[in-house]
């Protein structure tokens, strides 16, 4: 028994949210001392919800391997909780696991080759920073972002505008199957919900809410991608845009946001990572391929050290240490700090 019983019993979300914030758990709300202070009509609705038989509802979720995440759950992402009009319930396919680094990627359904190449080029570098890619599974830029991320063994969060048992668009069906294997598909709409046109602007607020930043790869002057970027801008998310040819209608949205200083012009994934001071992840298995001397120096560089300190601590010659440092820097395990000091990434 949980808050979803109130929704299933027909209570409005605004009232459910008020109860969630005040009582934290549904079981606390239905205690006698709390029921007594409620308006008579509202108390009747709460009691009806408490008696609601939710077994069929949860059996249906289990049948489709769907988890229900409530606003009051410890797993509910904090940055989404703090937006205006947060979704009270999230239906999730895949492991419920939200990371700290999330970048929303949005754009037109009618992308150009330039838009596709730009999107993939930026993501190729950005994924080296252990970033989750959040998008909406629409045709065009959304699907390009998801497909490229999966190809590079990255993690996707797909936010959709229908129930998770209603694939839309049908051309995205393979992504619906693949994304939950390593990431998540998310919807605020219960199973059986059709992809109604007004669902998608609301879906866009979830993409923006989950993300620290939003990358606009290609966009006309109007459209869902601009709605997502505008929502993110209003909620203090960093907005990034790929600049496009001035005579391309499909880049007028990007160029306009850059001109109005609502978006930062980006040319690479590193431009985005630098904005958040993110460091690159070390590739799985890469450390095991290093020599014992390389691993020793790498372990010492968990804290910054000078060349002289490394020579003393490793008892290796200056020439050998310098050669190892150069190799580790090329492999992107370490970087040199001003003043001849080094530190691991």
Protein backbone atom coordinates (compact mmCIF):
# COMPACT_ATOMS: atom_id res chain seq x y z
CA UNK A 1 0.00 0.00 0.00
CA UNK A 2 1.39 3.41 -1.00
CA UNK A 3 0.72 6.87 -2.38
CA UNK A 4 -0.27 5.43 -5.75
CA UNK A 5 -3.54 4.33 -4.10
CA UNK A 6 -4.56 7.99 -3.86
CA UNK A 7 -3.92 8.47 -7.59
CA UNK A 8 -5.76 5.26 -8.46
CA UNK A 9 -8.68 6.47 -6.34
CA UNK A 10 -8.91 9.69 -8.36
CA UNK A 11 -7.27 12.25 -6.05
CA UNK A 12 -5.60 15.25 -7.73
CA UNK A 13 -1.81 15.37 -7.85
CA UNK A 14 -1.62 18.75 -6.13
CA UNK A 15 -3.28 17.31 -3.02
CA UNK A 16 -1.24 14.10 -3.16
CA UNK A 17 1.97 16.16 -3.29
CA UNK A 18 0.85 18.18 -0.27
CA UNK A 19 0.27 14.98 1.68
CA UNK A 20 3.61 13.54 0.51
CA UNK A 21 5.53 16.56 1.75
CA UNK A 22 3.69 16.73 5.06
CA UNK A 23 3.46 13.06 6.02
CA UNK A 24 6.35 11.43 4.06
CA UNK A 25 4.68 8.00 4.11
CA UNK A 26 1.13 6.96 3.26
CA UNK A 27 0.96 4.83 6.43
CA UNK A 28 1.45 7.99 8.53
CA UNK A 29 -1.32 9.83 6.71
CA UNK A 30 -3.92 7.16 7.51
CA UNK A 31 -3.26 7.15 11.26
CA UNK A 32 -6.37 8.08 13.22
CA UNK A 33 -4.93 11.29 14.64
CA UNK A 34 -4.08 12.53 11.12
CA UNK A 35 -7.35 11.47 9.54
CA UNK A 36 -9.31 13.42 12.17
CA UNK A 37 -7.83 16.74 11.07
CA UNK A 38 -8.80 16.28 7.41
CA UNK A 39 -11.83 17.76 5.71
CA UNK A 40 -14.71 15.28 5.68
CA UNK A 41 -14.73 14.76 1.89
CA UNK A 42 -10.94 14.43 1.70
CA UNK A 43 -10.95 12.00 4.64
CA UNK A 44 -13.45 9.84 2.76
CA UNK A 45 -11.16 9.76 -0.31
CA UNK A 46 -8.14 8.83 1.81
CA UNK A 47 -10.04 6.02 3.51
CA UNK A 48 -11.22 4.79 0.11
CA UNK A 49 -7.58 4.75 -1.04
CA UNK A 50 -6.54 2.83 2.07
CA UNK A 51 -9.08 0.14 1.25
CA UNK A 52 -8.22 0.09 -2.46
CA UNK A 53 -7.13 -3.37 -3.63
CA UNK A 54 -3.85 -2.65 -5.45
CA UNK A 55 -2.80 -6.26 -6.08
CA UNK A 56 -3.87 -6.19 -9.74
CA UNK A 57 -1.98 -2.92 -10.25
CA UNK A 58 1.29 -4.30 -8.87
CA UNK A 59 0.85 -7.67 -10.58
CA UNK A 60 0.66 -5.83 -13.88
CA UNK A 61 3.90 -3.98 -13.10
CA UNK A 62 5.62 -7.26 -12.23
CA UNK A 63 4.36 -8.82 -15.44
CA UNK A 64 6.14 -6.12 -17.45
CA UNK A 65 9.22 -5.92 -15.15
CA UNK A 66 8.39 -2.34 -14.23
CA UNK A 67 9.33 -0.61 -10.96
CA UNK A 68 7.29 2.21 -9.42
CA UNK A 69 9.28 5.07 -7.95
CA UNK A 70 7.38 7.51 -5.74
CA UNK A 71 8.28 11.13 -5.01
CA UNK A 72 9.00 10.23 -1.37
CA UNK A 73 11.28 7.29 -2.23
CA UNK A 74 14.95 7.49 -1.22
CA UNK A 75 15.82 6.53 -4.81
CA UNK A 76 13.94 9.45 -6.33
CA UNK A 77 16.51 11.81 -7.94
CA UNK A 78 16.92 14.99 -5.91
CA UNK A 79 17.44 17.32 -8.89
CA UNK A 80 14.15 16.14 -10.40
CA UNK A 81 12.35 16.53 -7.09
CA UNK A 82 13.25 20.21 -6.99
CA UNK A 83 11.74 21.27 -10.32
CA UNK A 84 8.41 23.01 -10.70
CA UNK A 85 5.64 20.40 -11.03
CA UNK A 86 7.75 17.26 -10.43
CA UNK A 87 6.27 13.89 -11.45
CA UNK A 88 4.89 12.19 -8.35
CA UNK A 89 5.32 8.70 -9.77
CA UNK A 90 7.90 7.32 -12.17
CA UNK A 91 7.53 3.98 -13.91
CA UNK A 92 10.96 2.52 -14.57
CA UNK A 93 12.18 -0.33 -16.77
CA UNK A 94 15.74 -1.32 -15.83
CA UNK A 95 17.75 -0.92 -12.66
CA UNK A 96 16.66 2.12 -10.64
CA UNK A 97 20.03 3.79 -10.35
CA UNK A 98 20.58 7.51 -10.89
CA UNK A 99 24.14 8.81 -11.16
CA UNK A 100 25.52 12.28 -10.58
CA UNK A 101 26.54 13.03 -14.16
CA UNK A 102 23.56 13.34 -16.50
CA UNK A 103 23.46 15.31 -19.74
CA UNK A 104 20.25 15.68 -21.69
CA UNK A 105 20.67 15.50 -25.46
CA UNK A 106 17.85 16.89 -27.60
CA UNK A 107 17.26 18.03 -31.14
CA UNK A 108 15.09 17.90 -34.20
CA UNK A 109 13.50 14.77 -35.62
CA UNK A 110 14.55 15.93 -39.10
CA UNK A 111 18.28 16.14 -38.56
CA UNK A 112 20.94 16.85 -41.18
CA UNK A 113 24.12 14.81 -41.67
CA UNK A 114 25.99 17.68 -40.03
CA UNK A 115 23.74 17.46 -36.97
CA UNK A 116 24.28 13.70 -36.69
CA UNK A 117 28.05 13.94 -37.08
CA UNK A 118 28.25 16.81 -34.58
CA UNK A 119 26.16 14.93 -32.02
CA UNK A 120 28.23 11.76 -32.29
CA UNK A 121 31.53 13.66 -32.23
CA UNK A 122 30.62 15.47 -29.01
CA UNK A 123 29.23 12.34 -27.35
CA UNK A 124 32.30 10.28 -28.24
CA UNK A 125 34.43 12.51 -26.04
CA UNK A 126 31.77 13.26 -23.43
CA UNK A 127 31.20 9.57 -22.69
CA UNK A 128 34.82 9.31 -21.55
CA UNK A 129 33.72 11.27 -18.48
CA UNK A 130 31.32 8.58 -17.22
CA UNK A 131 28.24 10.58 -18.19
CA UNK A 132 24.69 9.24 -18.54
CA UNK A 133 22.90 10.42 -21.67
CA UNK A 134 19.27 11.43 -21.14
CA UNK A 135 16.94 11.79 -24.11
CA UNK A 136 13.42 11.12 -25.33
CA UNK A 137 13.60 8.26 -27.88
CA UNK A 138 12.12 10.44 -30.60
CA UNK A 139 13.31 9.98 -34.16
CA UNK A 140 16.27 12.08 -35.22
CA UNK A 141 18.76 13.48 -32.69
CA UNK A 142 17.22 11.63 -29.70
CA UNK A 143 17.67 8.22 -31.30
CA UNK A 144 21.11 9.13 -32.65
CA UNK A 145 22.20 10.00 -29.10
CA UNK A 146 20.81 6.77 -27.64
CA UNK A 147 22.17 4.53 -30.38
CA UNK A 148 25.65 6.05 -30.28
CA UNK A 149 25.78 5.86 -26.48
CA UNK A 150 24.86 2.17 -26.51
CA UNK A 151 27.38 1.52 -29.29
CA UNK A 152 30.10 2.98 -27.04
CA UNK A 153 28.85 0.92 -24.04
CA UNK A 154 27.56 4.05 -22.34
CA UNK A 155 24.46 4.32 -20.17
CA UNK A 156 21.18 5.83 -21.37
CA UNK A 157 18.13 7.15 -19.61
CA UNK A 158 15.21 7.25 -22.03
CA UNK A 159 12.20 9.35 -21.01
CA UNK A 160 9.01 8.58 -22.92
CA UNK A 161 5.55 10.10 -23.31
CA UNK A 162 3.47 6.93 -23.07
CA UNK A 163 3.10 3.92 -20.84
CA UNK A 164 6.17 1.67 -20.94
CA UNK A 165 4.07 -1.00 -22.65
CA UNK A 166 3.16 1.36 -25.52
CA UNK A 167 6.19 1.72 -27.80
CA UNK A 168 6.26 5.06 -29.59
CA UNK A 169 7.50 5.71 -32.15
CA UNK A 170 7.49 2.12 -33.33
CA UNK A 171 10.82 2.70 -35.11
CA UNK A 172 12.42 3.01 -31.66
CA UNK A 173 11.34 -0.48 -30.55
CA UNK A 174 14.91 -1.87 -30.53
CA UNK A 175 16.04 0.94 -28.24
CA UNK A 176 13.11 0.21 -25.90
CA UNK A 177 14.48 -3.32 -25.55
CA UNK A 178 18.17 -2.43 -25.27
CA UNK A 179 18.22 0.62 -22.99
CA UNK A 180 16.91 -1.14 -19.83
CA UNK A 181 19.69 -3.76 -20.11
CA UNK A 182 22.23 -1.21 -18.86
CA UNK A 183 20.20 1.93 -18.17
CA UNK A 184 16.59 2.96 -17.63
CA UNK A 185 13.41 3.71 -19.51
CA UNK A 186 11.25 6.17 -17.57
CA UNK A 187 7.68 7.38 -17.87
CA UNK A 188 5.34 9.25 -15.56
CA UNK A 189 2.41 7.63 -17.36
CA UNK A 190 0.95 4.33 -16.12
CA UNK A 191 0.92 1.19 -18.20
CA UNK A 192 -1.63 1.36 -20.98
CA UNK A 193 -1.26 5.13 -21.50
CA UNK A 194 -1.26 6.10 -25.17
CA UNK A 195 1.30 8.55 -26.63
CA UNK A 196 -0.96 11.60 -26.66
CA UNK A 197 0.55 14.73 -28.18
CA UNK A 198 0.33 16.80 -24.99
CA UNK A 199 2.33 14.17 -23.09
CA UNK A 200 5.56 15.09 -24.85
CA UNK A 201 6.02 18.70 -23.69
CA UNK A 202 5.54 17.37 -20.14
CA UNK A 203 8.02 14.58 -20.80
CA UNK A 204 10.59 17.23 -21.76
CA UNK A 205 10.54 18.75 -18.26
CA UNK A 206 11.67 15.36 -16.89
CA UNK A 207 14.58 15.21 -19.34
CA UNK A 208 15.65 18.68 -18.21
CA UNK A 209 15.00 17.93 -14.54
CA UNK A 210 17.16 14.80 -14.52
CA UNK A 211 20.08 16.53 -16.23
CA UNK A 212 22.83 18.80 -14.96
CA UNK A 213 23.12 20.21 -18.45
CA UNK A 214 21.28 20.02 -21.77
CA UNK A 215 22.97 19.70 -25.14
CA UNK A 216 21.01 21.05 -28.09
CA UNK A 217 22.49 19.41 -31.19
CA UNK A 218 20.21 20.73 -33.92
CA UNK A 219 16.92 22.56 -33.61
CA UNK A 220 14.47 24.65 -35.55
CA UNK A 221 13.29 27.90 -34.03
CA UNK A 222 10.28 26.10 -32.55
CA UNK A 223 9.85 22.56 -31.27
CA UNK A 224 10.21 20.17 -28.37
CA UNK A 225 13.98 20.57 -28.12
CA UNK A 226 13.59 24.30 -27.52
CA UNK A 227 10.93 23.59 -24.88
CA UNK A 228 13.39 21.31 -23.06
CA UNK A 229 16.18 23.87 -23.29
CA UNK A 230 13.93 26.70 -22.10
CA UNK A 231 12.71 24.63 -19.15
CA UNK A 232 16.31 23.81 -18.27
CA UNK A 233 17.31 27.47 -18.54
CA UNK A 234 14.51 28.47 -16.15
CA UNK A 235 15.70 25.85 -13.65
CA UNK A 236 19.37 26.90 -13.73
CA UNK A 237 20.57 24.00 -15.86
CA UNK A 238 23.58 24.64 -18.08
CA UNK A 239 22.48 24.84 -21.72
CA UNK A 240 24.90 23.94 -24.52
CA UNK A 241 24.30 24.33 -28.24
CA UNK A 242 26.07 23.21 -31.39
CA UNK A 243 26.44 26.19 -33.76
CA UNK A 244 25.10 25.65 -37.26
CA UNK A 245 25.16 27.21 -40.70
CA UNK A 246 23.29 30.52 -40.71
CA UNK A 247 21.19 29.50 -43.74
CA UNK A 248 20.08 26.16 -42.23
CA UNK A 249 16.54 26.46 -40.76
CA UNK A 250 17.24 23.39 -38.60
CA UNK A 251 19.96 25.29 -36.71
CA UNK A 252 18.10 28.53 -36.10
CA UNK A 253 17.11 27.36 -32.61
CA UNK A 254 20.73 26.62 -31.61
CA UNK A 255 22.07 29.84 -33.09
CA UNK A 256 19.33 31.89 -31.46
CA UNK A 257 20.05 30.52 -27.98
CA UNK A 258 23.77 31.19 -28.43
CA UNK A 259 23.08 34.73 -29.67
CA UNK A 260 20.79 35.41 -26.68
CA UNK A 261 23.41 34.02 -24.26
CA UNK A 262 20.99 31.35 -23.10
CA UNK A 263 23.29 28.59 -24.35
CA UNK A 264 27.05 28.13 -24.41
CA UNK A 265 28.61 27.32 -27.75
CA UNK A 266 30.25 23.89 -27.66
CA UNK A 267 32.55 22.17 -30.12
CA UNK A 268 33.52 19.11 -28.11
CA UNK A 269 32.54 16.88 -25.22
CA UNK A 270 35.39 18.35 -23.22
CA UNK A 271 33.75 21.79 -23.43
CA UNK A 272 30.80 20.36 -21.47
CA UNK A 273 32.92 18.37 -19.01
CA UNK A 274 35.10 21.41 -18.26
CA UNK A 275 32.00 23.40 -17.34
CA UNK A 276 31.31 20.95 -14.48
CA UNK A 277 34.99 20.29 -13.64
CA UNK A 278 34.49 16.61 -14.48
CA UNK A 279 37.52 14.39 -14.89
CA UNK A 280 37.80 11.53 -17.36
CA UNK A 281 37.10 8.00 -16.14
CA UNK A 282 39.86 5.41 -16.43
CA UNK A 283 38.89 2.81 -18.96
CA UNK A 284 38.02 -0.59 -17.51
CA UNK A 285 40.95 -2.96 -17.72
CA UNK A 286 43.39 -0.23 -18.76
CA UNK A 287 45.24 -0.18 -15.43
CA UNK A 288 45.86 -3.92 -15.59
CA UNK A 289 47.74 -3.35 -18.85
CA UNK A 290 50.30 -1.07 -17.19
CA UNK A 291 53.72 -2.20 -16.03
CA UNK A 292 54.42 -2.59 -12.33
CA UNK A 293 56.47 0.62 -12.34
CA UNK A 294 53.66 2.51 -14.11
CA UNK A 295 51.11 1.24 -11.60
CA UNK A 296 53.36 2.20 -8.71
CA UNK A 297 53.73 5.79 -9.93
CA UNK A 298 50.04 6.00 -10.72
CA UNK A 299 49.17 4.93 -7.17
CA UNK A 300 51.53 7.57 -5.77
CA UNK A 301 49.80 10.24 -7.84
CA UNK A 302 46.51 9.89 -6.01
CA UNK A 303 47.89 13.04 -4.41
CA UNK A 304 49.87 15.58 -6.42
CA UNK A 305 53.65 15.14 -6.36
CA UNK A 306 56.74 16.69 -7.90
CA UNK A 307 59.30 14.87 -10.05
CA UNK A 308 61.82 14.91 -7.18
CA UNK A 309 59.28 13.35 -4.79
CA UNK A 310 58.54 10.56 -7.27
CA UNK A 311 62.25 9.84 -7.76
CA UNK A 312 62.77 9.55 -4.00
CA UNK A 313 59.68 7.40 -3.38
CA UNK A 314 60.19 5.03 -6.33
CA UNK A 315 64.03 4.93 -6.19
CA UNK A 316 64.07 5.09 -9.97
CA UNK A 317 66.31 7.34 -12.05
CA UNK A 318 65.08 10.69 -13.27
CA UNK A 319 65.11 9.49 -16.87
CA UNK A 320 62.98 6.43 -16.12
CA UNK A 321 60.46 8.42 -14.05
CA UNK A 322 60.16 11.08 -16.77
CA UNK A 323 59.57 8.42 -19.43
CA UNK A 324 56.87 6.75 -17.31
CA UNK A 325 55.21 10.10 -16.61
CA UNK A 326 55.18 10.93 -20.32
CA UNK A 327 53.59 7.56 -21.11
CA UNK A 328 50.93 7.90 -18.41
CA UNK A 329 50.10 11.41 -19.60
CA UNK A 330 49.68 10.23 -23.20
CA UNK A 331 47.37 7.44 -21.95
CA UNK A 332 45.41 10.11 -20.06
CA UNK A 333 45.98 8.59 -16.60
CA UNK A 334 47.68 11.70 -15.22
CA UNK A 335 48.11 15.37 -15.99
CA UNK A 336 50.85 17.89 -15.28
CA UNK A 337 50.09 20.76 -12.94
CA UNK A 338 51.76 24.15 -13.23
CA UNK A 339 55.14 24.09 -11.53
CA UNK A 340 56.29 20.64 -12.61
CA UNK A 341 53.92 18.68 -10.41
CA UNK A 342 51.76 15.74 -11.44
CA UNK A 343 48.45 14.20 -10.38
CA UNK A 344 46.36 11.19 -11.41
CA UNK A 345 43.01 11.73 -13.05
